[in-house]
């Protein structure tokens, strides 16, 4: 028995067309998947109360940037990876020098552009000395011997009689801080990844009827 296989030009053209359809389907599906994941991450960030600005740090890009490929891929990332990563993992933060971490209390107020003040910055800004108060239970304190003004900030007391003077807690002192985990980006990633095969098939079939 002798078998002979002839590949006609029509079959070659059909195979080439199928490859092109596959490249278009995969690239389109990955673009949609990247856009969907970006939207889900942004929604999760705003839903956690972390603000629109941090949400907008999430970006996406499909590769190749131009043209279509069976190996197309989508990348979703943040332009603020350290902040996003901290809220996604809930890390334990310790002082770099092994001493106390000073957490500003409401009476500390804010520095320039709303930034948190360090104890040294606070003393320079208010013209007062902070005093260490050790507590066996709970966090120790840095306090100021002054008064609270109408905005609830610790300031110098000008009273000669002592009226209104108070010991005002300005900073909490703790050895470490455990940030709460407020995001679960892997959850959204896994959901989108699970939908990719279906997206590719859908795009491929859709292309045949366009």
N, C-alpha and C. Protein backbone atom coordinates (compact mmCIF):
# COMPACT_ATOMS: atom_id res chain seq x y z
N UNK A 1 0.85 -1.19 0.00
CA UNK A 1 0.00 0.00 0.00
C UNK A 1 0.89 1.24 0.00
N UNK A 2 0.55 2.15 -0.81
CA UNK A 2 1.34 3.36 -0.93
C UNK A 2 0.45 4.57 -0.66
N UNK A 3 0.86 5.39 0.29
CA UNK A 3 0.10 6.59 0.63
C UNK A 3 0.86 7.82 0.17
N UNK A 4 0.11 8.77 -0.30
CA UNK A 4 0.71 10.02 -0.76
C UNK A 4 -0.07 11.20 -0.18
N UNK A 5 0.65 12.14 0.42
CA UNK A 5 0.01 13.31 1.01
C UNK A 5 0.40 14.54 0.23
N UNK A 6 -0.58 15.17 -0.31
CA UNK A 6 -0.35 16.43 -1.03
C UNK A 6 -0.96 17.57 -0.22
N UNK A 7 -0.17 18.57 0.11
CA UNK A 7 -0.67 19.75 0.82
C UNK A 7 -0.99 20.81 -0.22
N UNK A 8 -2.25 21.04 -0.40
CA UNK A 8 -2.69 21.99 -1.42
C UNK A 8 -2.53 23.41 -0.90
N UNK A 9 -2.44 24.37 -1.79
CA UNK A 9 -2.34 25.78 -1.38
C UNK A 9 -3.50 26.21 -0.51
N UNK A 10 -4.69 25.60 -0.72
CA UNK A 10 -5.84 25.98 0.09
C UNK A 10 -5.66 25.62 1.54
N UNK A 11 -5.08 24.43 1.80
CA UNK A 11 -4.85 24.00 3.19
C UNK A 11 -3.81 24.88 3.85
N UNK A 12 -2.77 25.20 3.12
CA UNK A 12 -1.71 26.08 3.65
C UNK A 12 -2.29 27.44 4.04
N UNK A 13 -3.12 27.97 3.17
CA UNK A 13 -3.74 29.28 3.45
C UNK A 13 -4.65 29.20 4.66
N UNK A 14 -5.39 28.08 4.78
CA UNK A 14 -6.30 27.92 5.92
C UNK A 14 -5.52 27.83 7.23
N UNK A 15 -4.41 27.11 7.20
CA UNK A 15 -3.58 26.98 8.40
C UNK A 15 -2.99 28.33 8.79
N UNK A 16 -2.54 29.09 7.79
CA UNK A 16 -1.97 30.41 8.07
C UNK A 16 -3.02 31.34 8.65
N UNK A 17 -4.23 31.23 8.11
CA UNK A 17 -5.32 32.07 8.61
C UNK A 17 -5.67 31.70 10.04
N UNK A 18 -5.59 30.38 10.36
CA UNK A 18 -5.91 29.94 11.72
C UNK A 18 -4.87 30.45 12.72
N UNK A 19 -3.60 30.47 12.28
CA UNK A 19 -2.55 31.01 13.14
C UNK A 19 -2.78 32.49 13.41
N UNK A 20 -3.13 33.22 12.38
CA UNK A 20 -3.40 34.65 12.54
C UNK A 20 -4.59 34.88 13.47
N UNK A 21 -5.62 34.03 13.33
CA UNK A 21 -6.78 34.14 14.20
C UNK A 21 -6.40 33.86 15.65
N UNK A 22 -5.52 32.86 15.84
CA UNK A 22 -5.05 32.54 17.19
C UNK A 22 -4.26 33.68 17.80
N UNK A 23 -3.37 34.28 17.01
CA UNK A 23 -2.59 35.41 17.52
C UNK A 23 -3.50 36.56 17.93
N UNK A 24 -4.49 36.83 17.12
CA UNK A 24 -5.43 37.91 17.43
C UNK A 24 -6.23 37.60 18.68
N UNK A 25 -6.68 36.34 18.81
CA UNK A 25 -7.50 35.94 19.96
C UNK A 25 -6.70 36.01 21.25
N UNK A 26 -5.48 35.48 21.25
CA UNK A 26 -4.65 35.47 22.46
C UNK A 26 -4.32 36.89 22.88
N UNK A 27 -3.92 37.73 21.92
CA UNK A 27 -3.55 39.11 22.25
C UNK A 27 -4.73 39.89 22.80
N UNK A 28 -5.89 39.73 22.17
CA UNK A 28 -7.10 40.43 22.64
C UNK A 28 -7.52 39.94 24.01
N UNK A 29 -7.43 38.63 24.24
CA UNK A 29 -7.82 38.07 25.53
C UNK A 29 -6.90 38.56 26.64
N UNK A 30 -5.60 38.62 26.37
CA UNK A 30 -4.66 39.09 27.39
C UNK A 30 -4.85 40.57 27.67
N UNK A 31 -5.21 41.32 26.66
CA UNK A 31 -5.47 42.75 26.87
C UNK A 31 -6.69 42.93 27.79
N UNK A 32 -7.74 42.15 27.51
CA UNK A 32 -8.95 42.24 28.35
C UNK A 32 -8.66 41.77 29.78
N UNK A 33 -7.85 40.72 29.90
CA UNK A 33 -7.52 40.19 31.23
C UNK A 33 -6.74 41.22 32.04
N UNK A 34 -5.77 41.88 31.39
CA UNK A 34 -4.99 42.91 32.08
C UNK A 34 -5.84 44.08 32.51
N UNK A 35 -6.75 44.51 31.64
CA UNK A 35 -7.64 45.62 31.96
C UNK A 35 -8.57 45.25 33.12
N UNK A 36 -9.07 44.02 33.09
CA UNK A 36 -9.97 43.54 34.15
C UNK A 36 -9.24 43.50 35.49
N UNK A 37 -8.02 42.96 35.50
CA UNK A 37 -7.28 42.87 36.76
C UNK A 37 -6.94 44.25 37.30
N UNK A 38 -6.56 45.16 36.40
CA UNK A 38 -6.27 46.54 36.83
C UNK A 38 -7.50 47.16 37.48
N UNK A 39 -8.65 46.96 36.87
CA UNK A 39 -9.90 47.50 37.42
C UNK A 39 -10.23 46.88 38.77
N UNK A 40 -10.04 45.56 38.89
CA UNK A 40 -10.33 44.87 40.15
C UNK A 40 -9.41 45.35 41.26
N UNK A 41 -8.12 45.50 40.97
CA UNK A 41 -7.18 45.97 41.98
C UNK A 41 -7.51 47.39 42.42
N UNK A 42 -7.83 48.24 41.46
CA UNK A 42 -8.17 49.62 41.80
C UNK A 42 -9.43 49.66 42.67
N UNK A 43 -10.41 48.83 42.33
CA UNK A 43 -11.63 48.78 43.12
C UNK A 43 -11.37 48.29 44.53
N UNK A 44 -10.48 47.32 44.66
CA UNK A 44 -10.16 46.80 45.99
C UNK A 44 -9.46 47.86 46.84
N UNK A 45 -8.59 48.64 46.23
CA UNK A 45 -7.84 49.67 46.95
C UNK A 45 -8.76 50.79 47.43
N UNK A 46 -9.64 51.27 46.56
CA UNK A 46 -10.58 52.32 46.99
C UNK A 46 -11.57 51.76 48.01
N UNK A 47 -11.98 50.50 47.83
CA UNK A 47 -12.89 49.87 48.77
C UNK A 47 -12.31 49.72 50.16
N UNK A 48 -10.97 49.62 50.23
CA UNK A 48 -10.29 49.52 51.52
C UNK A 48 -10.05 50.88 52.16
N UNK A 49 -10.50 51.93 51.47
CA UNK A 49 -10.35 53.28 52.02
C UNK A 49 -8.97 53.87 51.86
N UNK A 50 -8.20 53.38 50.87
CA UNK A 50 -6.83 53.84 50.69
C UNK A 50 -6.71 54.98 49.70
N UNK A 51 -7.83 55.41 49.14
CA UNK A 51 -7.82 56.63 48.33
C UNK A 51 -7.68 56.40 46.84
N UNK A 52 -8.20 57.38 46.09
CA UNK A 52 -8.17 57.32 44.62
C UNK A 52 -6.75 57.45 44.07
N UNK A 53 -5.94 58.24 44.74
CA UNK A 53 -4.58 58.47 44.23
C UNK A 53 -3.76 57.17 44.23
N UNK A 54 -3.84 56.42 45.33
CA UNK A 54 -3.12 55.15 45.39
C UNK A 54 -3.73 54.15 44.41
N UNK A 55 -5.04 54.19 44.27
CA UNK A 55 -5.72 53.31 43.32
C UNK A 55 -5.23 53.55 41.90
N UNK A 56 -5.03 54.81 41.55
CA UNK A 56 -4.59 55.15 40.20
C UNK A 56 -3.13 54.80 39.94
N UNK A 57 -2.42 54.35 40.96
CA UNK A 57 -1.03 53.91 40.75
C UNK A 57 -0.98 52.56 40.06
N UNK A 58 -2.12 51.86 39.97
CA UNK A 58 -2.17 50.57 39.31
C UNK A 58 -2.24 50.78 37.80
N UNK A 59 -1.33 50.16 37.07
CA UNK A 59 -1.26 50.29 35.61
C UNK A 59 -1.23 48.90 34.96
N UNK A 60 -1.52 48.87 33.66
CA UNK A 60 -1.45 47.61 32.93
C UNK A 60 -0.86 47.86 31.55
N UNK A 61 -0.24 46.82 31.00
CA UNK A 61 0.35 46.90 29.67
C UNK A 61 0.33 45.52 29.03
N UNK A 62 -0.08 45.45 27.77
CA UNK A 62 -0.09 44.20 27.03
C UNK A 62 1.16 44.12 26.16
N UNK A 63 1.77 42.93 26.09
CA UNK A 63 2.95 42.70 25.26
C UNK A 63 2.65 41.61 24.25
N UNK A 64 3.10 41.76 23.00
CA UNK A 64 3.86 42.89 22.48
C UNK A 64 3.03 44.18 22.45
N UNK A 65 3.72 45.32 22.54
CA UNK A 65 3.00 46.59 22.56
C UNK A 65 2.32 46.87 21.23
N UNK A 66 2.91 46.37 20.16
CA UNK A 66 2.30 46.50 18.83
C UNK A 66 2.25 45.13 18.19
N UNK A 67 1.27 44.90 17.36
CA UNK A 67 1.14 43.61 16.70
C UNK A 67 0.46 42.58 17.59
N UNK A 68 0.39 41.36 17.08
CA UNK A 68 -0.29 40.28 17.79
C UNK A 68 0.59 39.05 17.84
N UNK A 69 0.41 38.22 18.88
CA UNK A 69 1.27 37.06 19.07
C UNK A 69 0.55 35.97 19.85
N UNK A 70 0.90 34.71 19.55
CA UNK A 70 0.40 33.60 20.35
C UNK A 70 0.99 33.59 21.74
N UNK A 71 2.10 34.33 21.93
CA UNK A 71 2.77 34.42 23.23
C UNK A 71 2.48 35.73 23.94
N UNK A 72 1.39 36.36 23.58
CA UNK A 72 1.05 37.65 24.20
C UNK A 72 0.89 37.50 25.70
N UNK A 73 1.21 38.57 26.43
CA UNK A 73 1.11 38.56 27.89
C UNK A 73 0.65 39.92 28.38
N UNK A 74 0.10 39.94 29.57
CA UNK A 74 -0.34 41.20 30.19
C UNK A 74 0.40 41.38 31.51
N UNK A 75 0.84 42.58 31.76
CA UNK A 75 1.52 42.93 33.01
C UNK A 75 0.69 43.98 33.75
N UNK A 76 0.41 43.71 35.02
CA UNK A 76 -0.30 44.67 35.87
C UNK A 76 0.61 44.99 37.05
N UNK A 77 0.84 46.25 37.32
CA UNK A 77 1.77 46.64 38.37
C UNK A 77 1.32 47.94 39.03
N UNK A 78 2.03 48.31 40.09
CA UNK A 78 1.75 49.56 40.79
C UNK A 78 2.98 50.46 40.72
N UNK A 79 2.73 51.75 40.58
CA UNK A 79 3.81 52.74 40.62
C UNK A 79 4.19 53.09 42.05
N UNK A 80 3.48 52.51 43.01
CA UNK A 80 3.80 52.68 44.44
C UNK A 80 3.89 51.29 45.07
N UNK A 81 4.82 50.44 44.62
CA UNK A 81 4.85 49.04 45.05
C UNK A 81 5.07 48.83 46.54
N UNK A 82 5.85 49.70 47.19
CA UNK A 82 6.13 49.51 48.62
C UNK A 82 4.86 49.74 49.45
N UNK A 83 4.09 50.77 49.09
CA UNK A 83 2.86 51.05 49.84
C UNK A 83 1.83 49.96 49.59
N UNK A 84 1.65 49.60 48.32
CA UNK A 84 0.69 48.55 47.98
C UNK A 84 1.09 47.24 48.63
N UNK A 85 2.38 46.91 48.58
CA UNK A 85 2.87 45.66 49.16
C UNK A 85 2.65 45.60 50.66
N UNK A 86 2.81 46.74 51.34
CA UNK A 86 2.60 46.76 52.79
C UNK A 86 1.16 46.46 53.14
N UNK A 87 0.23 47.04 52.40
CA UNK A 87 -1.19 46.81 52.68
C UNK A 87 -1.63 45.42 52.22
N UNK A 88 -0.89 44.83 51.29
CA UNK A 88 -1.25 43.51 50.78
C UNK A 88 -0.73 42.38 51.67
N UNK A 89 0.36 42.63 52.39
CA UNK A 89 0.97 41.58 53.21
C UNK A 89 0.79 41.78 54.70
N UNK A 90 0.53 43.03 55.14
CA UNK A 90 0.40 43.30 56.57
C UNK A 90 1.69 43.00 57.31
N UNK A 91 2.81 43.66 56.95
CA UNK A 91 4.11 43.32 57.55
C UNK A 91 4.27 43.81 58.99
N UNK A 92 5.25 43.24 59.65
CA UNK A 92 5.65 43.67 60.99
C UNK A 92 6.79 44.66 60.80
N UNK A 93 6.60 45.90 61.28
CA UNK A 93 7.58 46.96 61.09
C UNK A 93 8.31 47.22 62.40
N UNK A 94 9.63 47.20 62.34
CA UNK A 94 10.47 47.48 63.51
C UNK A 94 11.31 48.71 63.24
N UNK A 95 11.73 49.35 64.32
CA UNK A 95 12.63 50.49 64.19
C UNK A 95 13.96 50.04 63.61
N UNK A 96 14.53 50.87 62.72
CA UNK A 96 15.80 50.51 62.08
C UNK A 96 16.94 50.39 63.07
N UNK A 97 16.94 51.24 64.10
CA UNK A 97 18.06 51.23 65.04
C UNK A 97 17.79 50.35 66.27
N UNK A 98 16.67 49.66 66.27
CA UNK A 98 16.37 48.74 67.38
C UNK A 98 15.77 49.41 68.59
N UNK A 99 15.47 50.72 68.52
CA UNK A 99 14.89 51.42 69.66
C UNK A 99 13.38 51.57 69.46
N UNK A 100 12.82 52.60 70.08
CA UNK A 100 11.39 52.81 70.00
C UNK A 100 10.96 53.38 68.64
N UNK A 101 9.74 53.07 68.27
CA UNK A 101 9.10 53.75 67.15
C UNK A 101 8.11 54.75 67.73
N UNK A 102 8.19 55.99 67.28
CA UNK A 102 7.33 57.06 67.79
C UNK A 102 6.12 57.22 66.88
N UNK A 103 4.94 56.95 67.40
CA UNK A 103 3.69 57.08 66.65
C UNK A 103 3.00 58.37 67.07
N UNK A 104 2.85 59.34 66.16
CA UNK A 104 2.22 60.62 66.54
C UNK A 104 0.76 60.44 66.97
N UNK A 105 0.40 61.09 68.05
CA UNK A 105 -0.99 61.13 68.50
C UNK A 105 -1.65 62.39 67.94
N UNK A 106 -2.97 62.51 68.00
CA UNK A 106 -3.64 63.70 67.43
C UNK A 106 -3.07 65.02 67.94
N UNK A 107 -2.62 65.07 69.20
CA UNK A 107 -2.10 66.32 69.76
C UNK A 107 -0.77 66.73 69.14
N UNK A 108 -0.14 65.83 68.38
CA UNK A 108 1.14 66.16 67.75
C UNK A 108 0.94 67.09 66.56
N UNK A 109 -0.22 66.98 65.90
CA UNK A 109 -0.44 67.79 64.71
C UNK A 109 0.34 67.24 63.53
N UNK A 110 0.42 68.03 62.48
CA UNK A 110 1.09 67.63 61.25
C UNK A 110 2.20 68.61 60.89
N UNK A 111 3.14 68.12 60.09
CA UNK A 111 4.21 68.97 59.60
C UNK A 111 3.83 69.59 58.26
N UNK A 112 4.85 70.04 57.52
CA UNK A 112 4.62 70.64 56.21
C UNK A 112 3.97 69.64 55.27
N UNK A 113 3.00 70.09 54.52
CA UNK A 113 2.27 69.27 53.54
C UNK A 113 1.61 68.05 54.17
N UNK A 114 1.25 68.19 55.43
CA UNK A 114 0.52 67.12 56.10
C UNK A 114 1.35 65.93 56.52
N UNK A 115 2.68 66.05 56.47
CA UNK A 115 3.53 64.93 56.83
C UNK A 115 3.60 64.75 58.35
N UNK A 116 3.79 63.50 58.76
CA UNK A 116 3.91 63.21 60.19
C UNK A 116 5.22 63.79 60.74
N UNK A 117 5.17 64.27 61.96
CA UNK A 117 6.35 64.85 62.60
C UNK A 117 7.10 63.79 63.39
N UNK A 118 8.41 63.90 63.40
CA UNK A 118 9.24 63.10 64.31
C UNK A 118 9.31 63.84 65.63
N UNK A 119 9.71 63.17 66.72
CA UNK A 119 9.85 63.88 68.00
C UNK A 119 10.77 65.09 67.92
N UNK A 120 11.88 64.96 67.21
CA UNK A 120 12.81 66.08 67.07
C UNK A 120 12.18 67.24 66.32
N UNK A 121 11.47 66.92 65.24
CA UNK A 121 10.79 67.97 64.47
C UNK A 121 9.72 68.65 65.31
N UNK A 122 9.01 67.86 66.12
CA UNK A 122 7.94 68.43 66.93
C UNK A 122 8.52 69.42 67.94
N UNK A 123 9.61 69.06 68.60
CA UNK A 123 10.23 69.96 69.58
C UNK A 123 10.67 71.27 68.93
N UNK A 124 11.24 71.19 67.73
CA UNK A 124 11.67 72.42 67.04
C UNK A 124 10.47 73.26 66.64
N UNK A 125 9.41 72.60 66.21
CA UNK A 125 8.24 73.31 65.73
C UNK A 125 7.47 73.99 66.87
N UNK A 126 7.36 73.30 68.01
CA UNK A 126 6.57 73.82 69.13
C UNK A 126 7.40 74.58 70.16
N UNK A 127 8.72 74.44 70.10
CA UNK A 127 9.56 75.11 71.08
C UNK A 127 9.42 74.53 72.47
N UNK A 128 9.18 73.25 72.58
CA UNK A 128 8.99 72.56 73.86
C UNK A 128 9.82 71.29 73.88
N UNK A 129 10.10 70.83 75.09
CA UNK A 129 10.81 69.57 75.27
C UNK A 129 9.80 68.46 75.55
N UNK A 130 10.09 67.31 75.01
CA UNK A 130 9.26 66.14 75.28
C UNK A 130 9.85 65.37 76.45
N UNK A 131 8.98 64.77 77.23
CA UNK A 131 9.41 64.02 78.40
C UNK A 131 8.96 62.56 78.26
N UNK A 132 9.89 61.64 78.55
CA UNK A 132 9.61 60.21 78.43
C UNK A 132 8.83 59.73 79.65
N UNK A 133 7.76 59.00 79.41
CA UNK A 133 6.97 58.40 80.48
C UNK A 133 6.88 56.90 80.22
N UNK A 134 7.51 56.14 81.10
CA UNK A 134 7.48 54.68 80.94
C UNK A 134 6.21 54.11 81.56
N UNK A 135 5.59 53.16 80.85
CA UNK A 135 4.41 52.47 81.37
C UNK A 135 4.63 50.96 81.27
N UNK A 136 4.43 50.28 82.39
CA UNK A 136 4.64 48.84 82.41
C UNK A 136 3.64 48.13 81.52
N UNK A 137 2.42 48.64 81.49
CA UNK A 137 1.38 48.06 80.65
C UNK A 137 0.99 49.06 79.56
N UNK A 138 0.99 48.60 78.36
CA UNK A 138 0.68 49.49 77.26
C UNK A 138 1.92 50.21 76.78
N UNK A 139 1.74 51.00 75.76
CA UNK A 139 2.86 51.71 75.16
C UNK A 139 3.35 52.84 76.07
N UNK A 140 4.66 53.07 76.07
CA UNK A 140 5.22 54.20 76.78
C UNK A 140 4.91 55.48 75.98
N UNK A 141 5.21 56.63 76.57
CA UNK A 141 4.79 57.89 75.97
C UNK A 141 5.91 58.91 75.93
N UNK A 142 5.80 59.83 74.98
CA UNK A 142 6.52 61.09 75.02
C UNK A 142 5.45 62.16 75.25
N UNK A 143 5.60 62.91 76.32
CA UNK A 143 4.58 63.89 76.68
C UNK A 143 5.19 65.29 76.72
N UNK A 144 4.31 66.28 76.64
CA UNK A 144 4.72 67.68 76.76
C UNK A 144 3.98 68.31 77.91
N UNK A 145 4.67 69.08 78.72
CA UNK A 145 4.05 69.79 79.83
C UNK A 145 3.63 71.16 79.32
N UNK A 146 2.40 71.23 78.84
CA UNK A 146 1.89 72.47 78.28
C UNK A 146 0.39 72.54 78.41
N UNK A 147 -0.30 72.66 77.29
CA UNK A 147 -1.76 72.69 77.28
C UNK A 147 -2.25 72.27 75.90
N UNK A 148 -3.54 72.00 75.80
CA UNK A 148 -4.18 71.74 74.52
C UNK A 148 -4.85 73.02 74.04
N UNK A 149 -4.60 73.38 72.78
CA UNK A 149 -5.27 74.57 72.24
C UNK A 149 -6.65 74.20 71.71
N UNK A 150 -7.31 75.15 71.06
CA UNK A 150 -8.68 74.93 70.59
C UNK A 150 -8.76 73.87 69.49
N UNK A 151 -7.64 73.57 68.86
CA UNK A 151 -7.61 72.55 67.79
C UNK A 151 -7.15 71.20 68.32
N UNK A 152 -6.97 71.12 69.64
CA UNK A 152 -6.56 69.86 70.23
C UNK A 152 -5.09 69.55 70.07
N UNK A 153 -4.27 70.58 69.84
CA UNK A 153 -2.83 70.38 69.66
C UNK A 153 -2.08 70.77 70.93
N UNK A 154 -1.01 70.06 71.21
CA UNK A 154 -0.17 70.39 72.35
C UNK A 154 0.67 71.62 72.07
N UNK A 155 0.55 72.64 72.91
CA UNK A 155 1.30 73.89 72.73
C UNK A 155 1.82 74.37 74.09
N UNK A 156 2.66 75.38 74.02
CA UNK A 156 3.23 75.98 75.24
C UNK A 156 2.13 76.66 76.05
N UNK A 157 2.18 76.50 77.35
CA UNK A 157 1.23 77.19 78.22
C UNK A 157 1.82 78.54 78.62
N UNK A 158 1.04 79.61 78.41
CA UNK A 158 1.49 80.96 78.77
C UNK A 158 0.91 81.40 80.12
N UNK A 159 0.16 80.54 80.75
CA UNK A 159 -0.50 80.90 81.99
C UNK A 159 0.52 81.04 83.12
N UNK A 160 0.42 82.16 83.88
CA UNK A 160 1.30 82.37 85.02
C UNK A 160 0.75 81.71 86.28
N UNK A 161 -0.54 81.42 86.26
CA UNK A 161 -1.16 80.81 87.43
C UNK A 161 -1.20 79.28 87.34
N UNK A 162 -0.90 78.76 86.15
CA UNK A 162 -0.95 77.31 85.97
C UNK A 162 -2.29 76.82 85.47
N UNK A 163 -3.22 77.74 85.28
CA UNK A 163 -4.55 77.36 84.82
C UNK A 163 -4.46 76.81 83.39
N UNK A 164 -5.10 75.69 83.17
CA UNK A 164 -5.13 75.08 81.83
C UNK A 164 -3.93 74.24 81.50
N UNK A 165 -2.93 74.25 82.38
CA UNK A 165 -1.74 73.44 82.10
C UNK A 165 -2.08 71.96 82.24
N UNK A 166 -1.41 71.17 81.42
CA UNK A 166 -1.68 69.73 81.44
C UNK A 166 -0.47 68.98 80.90
N UNK A 167 -0.39 67.73 81.27
CA UNK A 167 0.62 66.84 80.68
C UNK A 167 -0.05 66.20 79.47
N UNK A 168 0.42 66.57 78.27
CA UNK A 168 -0.24 66.17 77.03
C UNK A 168 0.55 65.05 76.34
N UNK A 169 -0.03 63.87 76.15
CA UNK A 169 0.65 62.81 75.38
C UNK A 169 0.78 63.23 73.91
N UNK A 170 2.00 63.18 73.40
CA UNK A 170 2.27 63.61 72.03
C UNK A 170 2.60 62.42 71.12
N UNK A 171 3.38 61.47 71.64
CA UNK A 171 3.77 60.29 70.85
C UNK A 171 3.60 59.03 71.68
N UNK A 172 3.16 57.97 71.02
CA UNK A 172 3.24 56.63 71.58
C UNK A 172 4.58 56.03 71.20
N UNK A 173 5.19 55.31 72.11
CA UNK A 173 6.46 54.64 71.83
C UNK A 173 6.25 53.13 71.87
N UNK A 174 6.51 52.49 70.74
CA UNK A 174 6.32 51.04 70.65
C UNK A 174 7.56 50.41 70.00
N UNK A 175 7.88 49.17 70.36
CA UNK A 175 9.04 48.51 69.74
C UNK A 175 8.79 48.07 68.31
N UNK A 176 7.53 47.83 67.96
CA UNK A 176 7.19 47.38 66.62
C UNK A 176 5.71 47.61 66.35
N UNK A 177 5.36 47.61 65.07
CA UNK A 177 3.98 47.83 64.66
C UNK A 177 3.61 46.78 63.62
N UNK A 178 2.45 46.15 63.81
CA UNK A 178 1.94 45.18 62.83
C UNK A 178 0.84 45.87 62.03
N UNK A 179 1.15 46.10 60.74
CA UNK A 179 0.14 46.73 59.89
C UNK A 179 -0.96 45.73 59.56
N UNK A 180 -2.20 46.16 59.56
CA UNK A 180 -3.29 45.26 59.18
C UNK A 180 -3.24 44.95 57.69
N UNK A 181 -3.59 43.74 57.33
CA UNK A 181 -3.67 43.37 55.92
C UNK A 181 -4.99 43.87 55.37
N UNK A 182 -4.94 44.85 54.49
CA UNK A 182 -6.16 45.48 53.99
C UNK A 182 -6.48 45.09 52.54
N UNK A 183 -5.54 44.42 51.88
CA UNK A 183 -5.75 44.03 50.50
C UNK A 183 -5.48 42.54 50.32
N UNK A 184 -6.08 41.96 49.28
CA UNK A 184 -5.80 40.57 48.90
C UNK A 184 -5.73 40.54 47.37
N UNK A 185 -4.62 41.02 46.83
CA UNK A 185 -4.47 41.14 45.39
C UNK A 185 -4.37 39.77 44.71
N UNK A 186 -3.81 38.78 45.41
CA UNK A 186 -3.72 37.44 44.82
C UNK A 186 -5.10 36.86 44.51
N UNK A 187 -6.08 37.19 45.33
CA UNK A 187 -7.44 36.68 45.12
C UNK A 187 -7.97 37.11 43.76
N UNK A 188 -7.83 38.40 43.45
CA UNK A 188 -8.30 38.90 42.16
C UNK A 188 -7.46 38.35 41.01
N UNK A 189 -6.16 38.20 41.24
CA UNK A 189 -5.28 37.68 40.20
C UNK A 189 -5.67 36.26 39.81
N UNK A 190 -5.92 35.42 40.81
CA UNK A 190 -6.29 34.04 40.54
C UNK A 190 -7.63 33.94 39.80
N UNK A 191 -8.57 34.81 40.14
CA UNK A 191 -9.87 34.81 39.46
C UNK A 191 -9.71 35.15 37.98
N UNK A 192 -8.90 36.18 37.69
CA UNK A 192 -8.71 36.58 36.30
C UNK A 192 -7.93 35.51 35.54
N UNK A 193 -6.90 34.94 36.16
CA UNK A 193 -6.13 33.89 35.49
C UNK A 193 -7.01 32.70 35.11
N UNK A 194 -7.95 32.35 35.96
CA UNK A 194 -8.84 31.22 35.70
C UNK A 194 -9.73 31.48 34.49
N UNK A 195 -9.98 32.74 34.19
CA UNK A 195 -10.87 33.08 33.07
C UNK A 195 -10.14 33.22 31.74
N UNK A 196 -8.81 33.23 31.75
CA UNK A 196 -8.04 33.47 30.53
C UNK A 196 -8.30 32.42 29.44
N UNK A 197 -8.27 31.10 29.74
CA UNK A 197 -8.55 30.13 28.67
C UNK A 197 -9.90 30.36 28.00
N UNK A 198 -10.93 30.64 28.80
CA UNK A 198 -12.25 30.90 28.24
C UNK A 198 -12.27 32.16 27.39
N UNK A 199 -11.53 33.19 27.82
CA UNK A 199 -11.44 34.42 27.04
C UNK A 199 -10.82 34.16 25.68
N UNK A 200 -9.74 33.35 25.66
CA UNK A 200 -9.05 33.06 24.40
C UNK A 200 -9.98 32.31 23.44
N UNK A 201 -10.65 31.28 23.94
CA UNK A 201 -11.57 30.52 23.11
C UNK A 201 -12.69 31.40 22.58
N UNK A 202 -13.24 32.24 23.47
CA UNK A 202 -14.32 33.13 23.07
C UNK A 202 -13.89 34.09 21.98
N UNK A 203 -12.69 34.66 22.12
CA UNK A 203 -12.18 35.59 21.12
C UNK A 203 -11.92 34.86 19.79
N UNK A 204 -11.43 33.62 19.87
CA UNK A 204 -11.13 32.85 18.68
C UNK A 204 -12.41 32.54 17.91
N UNK A 205 -13.44 32.10 18.64
CA UNK A 205 -14.71 31.80 17.99
C UNK A 205 -15.35 33.06 17.45
N UNK A 206 -15.27 34.12 18.22
CA UNK A 206 -15.85 35.41 17.80
C UNK A 206 -15.25 35.88 16.51
N UNK A 207 -13.94 35.65 16.35
CA UNK A 207 -13.24 36.09 15.14
C UNK A 207 -13.70 35.38 13.89
N UNK A 208 -14.21 34.20 14.04
CA UNK A 208 -14.66 33.44 12.87
C UNK A 208 -15.98 33.95 12.32
N UNK A 209 -16.71 34.70 13.14
CA UNK A 209 -18.02 35.18 12.71
C UNK A 209 -18.06 36.67 12.44
N UNK A 210 -16.89 37.28 12.49
CA UNK A 210 -16.82 38.71 12.21
C UNK A 210 -16.57 38.93 10.73
